[in-house]
Amino acid sequence: MYEVLGLFILFVVGIMLLPEGGHPAHMELFGEQITPMSTTTFYFVIIVLVLTDLVQTRYRRKIMARKQLQSQTAT
C-alpha cells in the first residue's frame, strides 16, 4: 500500500530532476525550451499524493469492516 505511494513520489522526483538538468543545458522539447518545475508545485503534488493515500486507506478500512460485520451477522 505504501510501496505505491513511494514509487509515485520517486516518479515525481525524477520528473522534477529532468527539467532541472535540462534547463542549464538549454535543451528543447518539441521546439519549446525546458523550464524547471517550481518547488511549490512539487510540494503540492506530494501533499495531494499523501492525502489521496490517506483517504483511500480510510475508505478501504471502512469497506473491510463492513464486510467483516456482514460475514459475522450472516453466520
Protein backbone atom coordinates (compact mmCIF):
# COMPACT_ATOMS: atom_id res chain seq x y z
CA MET A 1 0.00 0.00 0.00
CA TYR A 2 2.75 2.45 0.91
CA GLU A 3 5.02 1.00 -1.76
CA VAL A 4 2.88 2.54 -4.49
CA LEU A 5 2.96 5.92 -2.74
CA GLY A 6 6.75 5.70 -2.51
CA LEU A 7 7.01 4.82 -6.19
CA PHE A 8 4.82 7.77 -7.16
CA ILE A 9 6.97 10.11 -5.06
CA LEU A 10 10.13 8.76 -6.71
CA PHE A 11 8.47 9.22 -10.10
CA VAL A 12 7.62 12.86 -9.32
CA VAL A 13 11.17 13.49 -8.07
CA GLY A 14 12.53 12.00 -11.30
CA ILE A 15 10.22 14.18 -13.38
CA MET A 16 11.37 17.20 -11.39
CA LEU A 17 15.07 16.38 -11.86
CA LEU A 18 14.85 16.10 -15.65
CA PRO A 19 13.99 19.77 -16.23
CA GLU A 20 16.46 20.82 -13.51
CA GLY A 21 19.24 19.29 -15.57
CA GLY A 22 17.81 20.25 -18.96
CA HIS A 23 17.33 23.93 -18.23
CA PRO A 24 21.03 24.84 -17.74
CA ALA A 25 21.89 22.82 -20.86
CA HIS A 26 19.36 24.88 -22.90
CA MET A 27 17.57 21.72 -24.03
CA GLU A 28 14.38 21.91 -26.05
CA LEU A 29 11.43 19.54 -26.25
CA PHE A 30 9.07 19.87 -29.21
CA GLY A 31 10.58 23.27 -30.00
CA GLU A 32 9.95 24.67 -26.52
CA GLN A 33 12.68 25.42 -24.01
CA ILE A 34 12.56 23.27 -20.88
CA THR A 35 11.82 25.20 -17.69
CA PRO A 36 12.29 23.73 -14.21
CA MET A 37 9.31 22.87 -12.02
CA SER A 38 8.75 25.20 -9.09
CA THR A 39 9.19 23.75 -5.61
CA THR A 40 5.68 24.91 -4.73
CA THR A 41 4.27 22.69 -7.46
CA PHE A 42 6.44 19.81 -6.28
CA TYR A 43 5.24 20.10 -2.69
CA PHE A 44 1.63 20.46 -3.85
CA VAL A 45 1.89 17.21 -5.82
CA ILE A 46 3.43 15.38 -2.85
CA ILE A 47 0.72 16.66 -0.49
CA VAL A 48 -2.04 15.60 -2.89
CA LEU A 49 -0.47 12.14 -3.19
CA VAL A 50 -0.27 11.69 0.58
CA LEU A 51 -3.82 12.99 1.17
CA THR A 52 -5.18 10.71 -1.54
CA ASP A 53 -3.43 7.75 0.05
CA LEU A 54 -4.83 8.61 3.49
CA VAL A 55 -8.39 8.91 2.17
CA GLN A 56 -8.04 5.66 0.24
CA THR A 57 -6.70 3.83 3.31
CA ARG A 58 -9.60 5.02 5.49
CA TYR A 59 -12.12 4.05 2.81
CA ARG A 60 -10.55 0.61 2.42
CA ARG A 61 -10.65 0.03 6.19
CA LYS A 62 -14.30 1.07 6.33
CA ILE A 63 -15.21 -1.31 3.50
CA MET A 64 -13.32 -4.20 5.13
CA ALA A 65 -15.02 -3.53 8.48
CA ARG A 66 -18.46 -3.61 6.81
CA LYS A 67 -17.66 -6.89 5.05
CA GLN A 68 -16.40 -8.41 8.26
CA LEU A 69 -19.52 -7.28 10.13
CA GLN A 70 -21.77 -8.69 7.41
CA SER A 71 -19.98 -12.04 7.44
CA GLN A 72 -20.29 -12.24 11.24
CA THR A 73 -24.01 -11.49 11.20
CA ALA A 74 -24.62 -13.98 8.37
CA THR A 75 -23.18 -16.88 10.35
